[in-house]
């Protein structure tokens, strides 16, 4: 007996701007793009809760970030 295979795709887009001696990098991170909800942990102890999902993949997340170097 096997669980579903975990497939998760994360992507980062970034753009670097140079202004004299300063560099500014903007980032957009996309996590779990396809919004899979594959179970991560199952209760394997025999009883009424047997094979219930206790944890699944996190939901789709978008993060924005800026890095400034001088």
PDB file of N, CA and C in Angstrom:
ATOM      1  N   UNK A   1       0.850  -1.159   0.000  1.00  0.00           N
ATOM      2  CA  UNK A   1       0.000   0.000   0.000  1.00  0.00           C
ATOM      3  C   UNK A   1       0.907   1.238   0.000  1.00  0.00           C
ATOM      4  N   UNK A   2       0.717   2.116  -0.972  1.00  0.00           N
ATOM      5  CA  UNK A   2       1.516   3.326  -1.098  1.00  0.00           C
ATOM      6  C   UNK A   2       0.607   4.549  -1.142  1.00  0.00           C
ATOM      7  N   UNK A   3       1.127   5.673  -0.666  1.00  0.00           N
ATOM      8  CA  UNK A   3       0.399   6.940  -0.733  1.00  0.00           C
ATOM      9  C   UNK A   3       0.653   7.588  -2.085  1.00  0.00           C
ATOM     10  N   UNK A   4      -0.060   8.697  -2.340  1.00  0.00           N
ATOM     11  CA  UNK A   4       0.154   9.448  -3.569  1.00  0.00           C
ATOM     12  C   UNK A   4       1.547  10.049  -3.582  1.00  0.00           C
ATOM     13  N   UNK A   5       2.101  10.194  -4.760  1.00  0.00           N
ATOM     14  CA  UNK A   5       3.420  10.796  -4.918  1.00  0.00           C
ATOM     15  C   UNK A   5       3.304  12.309  -4.728  1.00  0.00           C
ATOM     16  N   UNK A   6       4.290  12.879  -4.055  1.00  0.00           N
ATOM     17  CA  UNK A   6       4.299  14.314  -3.806  1.00  0.00           C
ATOM     18  C   UNK A   6       4.930  15.038  -4.992  1.00  0.00           C
ATOM     19  N   UNK A   7       4.148  15.888  -5.643  1.00  0.00           N
ATOM     20  CA  UNK A   7       4.626  16.728  -6.740  1.00  0.00           C
ATOM     21  C   UNK A   7       4.336  18.175  -6.379  1.00  0.00           C
ATOM     22  N   UNK A   8       5.399  18.965  -6.250  1.00  0.00           N
ATOM     23  CA  UNK A   8       5.237  20.369  -5.893  1.00  0.00           C
ATOM     24  C   UNK A   8       6.208  21.191  -6.726  1.00  0.00           C
ATOM     25  N   UNK A   9       5.721  22.275  -7.313  1.00  0.00           N
ATOM     26  CA  UNK A   9       6.561  23.117  -8.164  1.00  0.00           C
ATOM     27  C   UNK A   9       6.646  24.518  -7.570  1.00  0.00           C
ATOM     28  N   UNK A  10       7.877  24.986  -7.319  1.00  0.00           N
ATOM     29  CA  UNK A  10       8.131  26.338  -6.831  1.00  0.00           C
ATOM     30  C   UNK A  10       8.921  27.096  -7.895  1.00  0.00           C
ATOM     31  N   UNK A  11       8.590  28.384  -8.092  1.00  0.00           N
ATOM     32  CA  UNK A  11       9.237  29.195  -9.121  1.00  0.00           C
ATOM     33  C   UNK A  11       9.597  30.551  -8.525  1.00  0.00           C
ATOM     34  N   UNK A  12      10.743  31.096  -8.954  1.00  0.00           N
ATOM     35  CA  UNK A  12      11.148  32.443  -8.540  1.00  0.00           C
ATOM     36  C   UNK A  12      11.430  33.276  -9.783  1.00  0.00           C
ATOM     37  N   UNK A  13      10.861  34.487  -9.808  1.00  0.00           N
ATOM     38  CA  UNK A  13      11.150  35.471 -10.841  1.00  0.00           C
ATOM     39  C   UNK A  13      11.877  36.617 -10.160  1.00  0.00           C
ATOM     40  N   UNK A  14      12.966  37.073 -10.770  1.00  0.00           N
ATOM     41  CA  UNK A  14      13.693  38.193 -10.175  1.00  0.00           C
ATOM     42  C   UNK A  14      14.185  39.133 -11.259  1.00  0.00           C
ATOM     43  N   UNK A  15      14.361  40.379 -10.882  1.00  0.00           N
ATOM     44  CA  UNK A  15      14.835  41.414 -11.788  1.00  0.00           C
ATOM     45  C   UNK A  15      15.854  42.254 -11.042  1.00  0.00           C
ATOM     46  N   UNK A  16      17.018  42.455 -11.640  1.00  0.00           N
ATOM     47  CA  UNK A  16      18.089  43.234 -11.028  1.00  0.00           C
ATOM     48  C   UNK A  16      18.228  44.566 -11.752  1.00  0.00           C
ATOM     49  N   UNK A  17      18.223  45.646 -10.989  1.00  0.00           N
ATOM     50  CA  UNK A  17      18.419  46.997 -11.515  1.00  0.00           C
ATOM     51  C   UNK A  17      19.701  47.556 -10.918  1.00  0.00           C
ATOM     52  N   UNK A  18      20.505  48.211 -11.763  1.00  0.00           N
ATOM     53  CA  UNK A  18      21.747  48.825 -11.286  1.00  0.00           C
ATOM     54  C   UNK A  18      21.639  50.342 -11.440  1.00  0.00           C
ATOM     55  N   UNK A  19      21.802  51.032 -10.327  1.00  0.00           N
ATOM     56  CA  UNK A  19      21.777  52.491 -10.305  1.00  0.00           C
ATOM     57  C   UNK A  19      23.094  52.957  -9.691  1.00  0.00           C
ATOM     58  N   UNK A  20      24.003  53.398 -10.547  1.00  0.00           N
ATOM     59  CA  UNK A  20      25.361  53.776 -10.142  1.00  0.00           C
ATOM     60  C   UNK A  20      26.017  52.625  -9.396  1.00  0.00           C
ATOM     61  N   UNK A  21      26.279  52.781  -8.092  1.00  0.00           N
ATOM     62  CA  UNK A  21      26.943  51.706  -7.330  1.00  0.00           C
ATOM     63  C   UNK A  21      25.945  50.858  -6.546  1.00  0.00           C
ATOM     64  N   UNK A  22      24.666  51.112  -6.692  1.00  0.00           N
ATOM     65  CA  UNK A  22      23.626  50.398  -5.947  1.00  0.00           C
ATOM     66  C   UNK A  22      22.920  49.410  -6.866  1.00  0.00           C
ATOM     67  N   UNK A  23      22.696  48.208  -6.359  1.00  0.00           N
ATOM     68  CA  UNK A  23      21.893  47.223  -7.092  1.00  0.00           C
ATOM     69  C   UNK A  23      20.640  46.913  -6.287  1.00  0.00           C
ATOM     70  N   UNK A  24      19.529  46.903  -6.983  1.00  0.00           N
ATOM     71  CA  UNK A  24      18.245  46.593  -6.369  1.00  0.00           C
ATOM     72  C   UNK A  24      17.695  45.363  -7.077  1.00  0.00           C
ATOM     73  N   UNK A  25      17.394  44.316  -6.299  1.00  0.00           N
ATOM     74  CA  UNK A  25      16.862  43.078  -6.854  1.00  0.00           C
ATOM     75  C   UNK A  25      15.460  42.855  -6.309  1.00  0.00           C
ATOM     76  N   UNK A  26      14.484  42.745  -7.201  1.00  0.00           N
ATOM     77  CA  UNK A  26      13.108  42.443  -6.819  1.00  0.00           C
ATOM     78  C   UNK A  26      12.809  40.988  -7.108  1.00  0.00           C
ATOM     79  N   UNK A  27      12.138  40.310  -6.164  1.00  0.00           N
ATOM     80  CA  UNK A  27      11.824  38.884  -6.298  1.00  0.00           C
ATOM     81  C   UNK A  27      10.341  38.626  -6.123  1.00  0.00           C
ATOM     82  N   UNK A  28       9.831  37.670  -6.881  1.00  0.00           N
ATOM     83  CA  UNK A  28       8.487  37.134  -6.685  1.00  0.00           C
ATOM     84  C   UNK A  28       8.634  35.624  -6.627  1.00  0.00           C
ATOM     85  N   UNK A  29       8.265  35.026  -5.487  1.00  0.00           N
ATOM     86  CA  UNK A  29       8.336  33.580  -5.293  1.00  0.00           C
ATOM     87  C   UNK A  29       6.930  32.990  -5.319  1.00  0.00           C
ATOM     88  N   UNK A  30       6.735  31.962  -6.128  1.00  0.00           N
ATOM     89  CA  UNK A  30       5.464  31.244  -6.194  1.00  0.00           C
ATOM     90  C   UNK A  30       5.703  29.823  -5.696  1.00  0.00           C
ATOM     91  N   UNK A  31       5.027  29.432  -4.634  1.00  0.00           N
ATOM     92  CA  UNK A  31       5.184  28.095  -4.069  1.00  0.00           C
ATOM     93  C   UNK A  31       3.932  27.269  -4.321  1.00  0.00           C
ATOM     94  N   UNK A  32       4.116  25.992  -4.651  1.00  0.00           N
ATOM     95  CA  UNK A  32       3.032  25.040  -4.904  1.00  0.00           C
ATOM     96  C   UNK A  32       2.077  25.589  -5.967  1.00  0.00           C
ATOM     97  N   UNK A  33       2.630  25.874  -7.144  1.00  0.00           N
ATOM     98  CA  UNK A  33       1.876  26.509  -8.226  1.00  0.00           C
ATOM     99  C   UNK A  33       0.614  25.727  -8.603  1.00  0.00           C
ATOM    100  N   UNK A  34       0.696  24.415  -8.649  1.00  0.00           N
ATOM    101  CA  UNK A  34      -0.450  23.615  -9.080  1.00  0.00           C
ATOM    102  C   UNK A  34      -1.432  23.331  -7.949  1.00  0.00           C
ATOM    103  N   UNK A  35      -1.140  23.849  -6.736  1.00  0.00           N
ATOM    104  CA  UNK A  35      -2.016  23.738  -5.568  1.00  0.00           C
ATOM    105  C   UNK A  35      -2.388  22.292  -5.259  1.00  0.00           C
ATOM    106  N   UNK A  36      -1.405  21.406  -5.296  1.00  0.00           N
ATOM    107  CA  UNK A  36      -1.640  20.004  -4.942  1.00  0.00           C
ATOM    108  C   UNK A  36      -1.920  19.900  -3.450  1.00  0.00           C
ATOM    109  N   UNK A  37      -2.761  18.975  -3.057  1.00  0.00           N
ATOM    110  CA  UNK A  37      -3.046  18.764  -1.641  1.00  0.00           C
ATOM    111  C   UNK A  37      -2.741  17.315  -1.249  1.00  0.00           C
ATOM    112  N   UNK A  38      -1.604  16.820  -1.684  1.00  0.00           N
ATOM    113  CA  UNK A  38      -1.186  15.452  -1.415  1.00  0.00           C
ATOM    114  C   UNK A  38      -0.940  15.257   0.073  1.00  0.00           C
ATOM    115  N   UNK A  39      -1.432  14.162   0.653  1.00  0.00           N
ATOM    116  CA  UNK A  39      -1.170  13.907   2.080  1.00  0.00           C
ATOM    117  C   UNK A  39       0.315  13.707   2.350  1.00  0.00           C
ATOM    118  N   UNK A  40       0.800  14.299   3.433  1.00  0.00           N
ATOM    119  CA  UNK A  40       2.186  14.143   3.834  1.00  0.00           C
ATOM    120  C   UNK A  40       2.326  13.091   4.925  1.00  0.00           C
ATOM    121  N   UNK A  41       1.403  13.067   5.862  1.00  0.00           N
ATOM    122  CA  UNK A  41       1.455  12.121   6.974  1.00  0.00           C
ATOM    123  C   UNK A  41       0.088  11.484   7.156  1.00  0.00           C
ATOM    124  N   UNK A  42       0.098  10.191   7.402  1.00  0.00           N
ATOM    125  CA  UNK A  42      -1.121   9.447   7.688  1.00  0.00           C
ATOM    126  C   UNK A  42      -1.003   8.820   9.071  1.00  0.00           C
ATOM    127  N   UNK A  43      -2.132   8.699   9.750  1.00  0.00           N
ATOM    128  CA  UNK A  43      -2.150   8.016  11.033  1.00  0.00           C
ATOM    129  C   UNK A  43      -2.118   6.516  10.757  1.00  0.00           C
ATOM    130  N   UNK A  44      -1.033   5.836  11.142  1.00  0.00           N
ATOM    131  CA  UNK A  44      -0.887   4.400  10.856  1.00  0.00           C
ATOM    132  C   UNK A  44      -1.178   3.540  12.071  1.00  0.00           C
ATOM    133  N   UNK A  45      -1.628   4.155  13.160  1.00  0.00           N
ATOM    134  CA  UNK A  45      -1.982   3.381  14.346  1.00  0.00           C
ATOM    135  C   UNK A  45      -3.376   2.802  14.146  1.00  0.00           C
ATOM    136  N   UNK A  46      -3.508   1.475  14.354  1.00  0.00           N
ATOM    137  CA  UNK A  46      -4.787   0.814  14.111  1.00  0.00           C
ATOM    138  C   UNK A  46      -5.840   1.337  15.076  1.00  0.00           C
ATOM    139  N   UNK A  47      -7.023   1.637  14.564  1.00  0.00           N
ATOM    140  CA  UNK A  47      -8.135   2.139  15.372  1.00  0.00           C
ATOM    141  C   UNK A  47      -9.074   2.938  14.492  1.00  0.00           C
ATOM    142  N   UNK A  48      -9.993   3.696  15.113  1.00  0.00           N
ATOM    143  CA  UNK A  48     -10.985   4.442  14.324  1.00  0.00           C
ATOM    144  C   UNK A  48     -10.374   5.554  13.468  1.00  0.00           C
ATOM    145  N   UNK A  49      -9.187   6.029  13.793  1.00  0.00           N
ATOM    146  CA  UNK A  49      -8.528   7.098  13.033  1.00  0.00           C
ATOM    147  C   UNK A  49      -7.505   6.555  12.037  1.00  0.00           C
ATOM    148  N   UNK A  50      -7.502   5.267  11.766  1.00  0.00           N
ATOM    149  CA  UNK A  50      -6.502   4.622  10.907  1.00  0.00           C
ATOM    150  C   UNK A  50      -6.542   5.202   9.499  1.00  0.00           C
ATOM    151  N   UNK A  51      -5.410   5.579   8.977  1.00  0.00           N
ATOM    152  CA  UNK A  51      -5.187   6.152   7.648  1.00  0.00           C
ATOM    153  C   UNK A  51      -5.868   7.503   7.421  1.00  0.00           C
ATOM    154  N   UNK A  52      -6.175   8.217   8.501  1.00  0.00           N
ATOM    155  CA  UNK A  52      -6.650   9.599   8.341  1.00  0.00           C
ATOM    156  C   UNK A  52      -5.458  10.504   8.099  1.00  0.00           C
ATOM    157  N   UNK A  53      -5.630  11.504   7.269  1.00  0.00           N
ATOM    158  CA  UNK A  53      -4.563  12.437   6.946  1.00  0.00           C
ATOM    159  C   UNK A  53      -4.342  13.380   8.132  1.00  0.00           C
ATOM    160  N   UNK A  54      -3.075  13.495   8.569  1.00  0.00           N
ATOM    161  CA  UNK A  54      -2.763  14.413   9.671  1.00  0.00           C
ATOM    162  C   UNK A  54      -2.042  15.660   9.172  1.00  0.00           C
ATOM    163  N   UNK A  55      -1.514  15.634   7.942  1.00  0.00           N
ATOM    164  CA  UNK A  55      -0.840  16.813   7.385  1.00  0.00           C
ATOM    165  C   UNK A  55      -0.836  16.693   5.866  1.00  0.00           C
ATOM    166  N   UNK A  56      -1.129  17.805   5.177  1.00  0.00           N
ATOM    167  CA  UNK A  56      -1.117  17.829   3.710  1.00  0.00           C
ATOM    168  C   UNK A  56      -0.179  18.944   3.258  1.00  0.00           C
ATOM    169  N   UNK A  57       0.137  18.972   1.957  1.00  0.00           N
ATOM    170  CA  UNK A  57       0.990  20.038   1.416  1.00  0.00           C
ATOM    171  C   UNK A  57       0.369  21.404   1.687  1.00  0.00           C
ATOM    172  N   UNK A  58       1.213  22.383   1.895  1.00  0.00           N
ATOM    173  CA  UNK A  58       0.715  23.735   2.150  1.00  0.00           C
ATOM    174  C   UNK A  58       0.051  24.302   0.894  1.00  0.00           C
ATOM    175  N   UNK A  59      -0.765  25.305   1.089  1.00  0.00           N
ATOM    176  CA  UNK A  59      -1.508  25.905  -0.021  1.00  0.00           C
ATOM    177  C   UNK A  59      -0.597  26.752  -0.896  1.00  0.00           C
ATOM    178  N   UNK A  60      -1.136  27.247  -1.994  1.00  0.00           N
ATOM    179  CA  UNK A  60      -0.397  28.109  -2.904  1.00  0.00           C
ATOM    180  C   UNK A  60      -0.014  29.394  -2.183  1.00  0.00           C
ATOM    181  N   UNK A  61       1.252  29.807  -2.339  1.00  0.00           N
ATOM    182  CA  UNK A  61       1.760  30.984  -1.636  1.00  0.00           C
ATOM    183  C   UNK A  61       2.522  31.877  -2.619  1.00  0.00           C
ATOM    184  N   UNK A  62       2.333  33.197  -2.505  1.00  0.00           N
ATOM    185  CA  UNK A  62       3.081  34.177  -3.287  1.00  0.00           C
ATOM    186  C   UNK A  62       3.826  35.070  -2.308  1.00  0.00           C
ATOM    187  N   UNK A  63       5.137  35.229  -2.523  1.00  0.00           N
ATOM    188  CA  UNK A  63       5.960  36.087  -1.668  1.00  0.00           C
ATOM    189  C   UNK A  63       6.682  37.115  -2.524  1.00  0.00           C
ATOM    190  N   UNK A  64       6.742  38.340  -2.039  1.00  0.00           N
ATOM    191  CA  UNK A  64       7.437  39.422  -2.708  1.00  0.00           C
ATOM    192  C   UNK A  64       8.628  39.823  -1.855  1.00  0.00           C
ATOM    193  N   UNK A  65       9.744  40.158  -2.488  1.00  0.00           N
ATOM    194  CA  UNK A  65      10.917  40.567  -1.740  1.00  0.00           C
ATOM    195  C   UNK A  65      11.777  41.540  -2.530  1.00  0.00           C
ATOM    196  N   UNK A  66      12.536  42.347  -1.784  1.00  0.00           N
ATOM    197  CA  UNK A  66      13.448  43.310  -2.387  1.00  0.00           C
ATOM    198  C   UNK A  66      14.768  43.214  -1.647  1.00  0.00           C
ATOM    199  N   UNK A  67      15.866  43.213  -2.400  1.00  0.00           N
ATOM    200  CA  UNK A  67      17.196  43.219  -1.808  1.00  0.00           C
ATOM    201  C   UNK A  67      17.962  44.404  -2.375  1.00  0.00           C
ATOM    202  N   UNK A  68      18.544  45.182  -1.465  1.00  0.00           N
ATOM    203  CA  UNK A  68      19.288  46.371  -1.876  1.00  0.00           C
ATOM    204  C   UNK A  68      20.749  46.190  -1.467  1.00  0.00           C
ATOM    205  N   UNK A  69      21.647  46.333  -2.428  1.00  0.00           N
ATOM    206  CA  UNK A  69      23.082  46.239  -2.148  1.00  0.00           C
ATOM    207  C   UNK A  69      23.770  47.544  -2.504  1.00  0.00           C
ATOM    208  N   UNK A  70      24.606  48.001  -1.588  1.00  0.00           N
ATOM    209  CA  UNK A  70      25.308  49.265  -1.839  1.00  0.00           C
ATOM    210  C   UNK A  70      26.735  49.197  -1.364  1.00  0.00           C
TER     211      UNK A  70
END
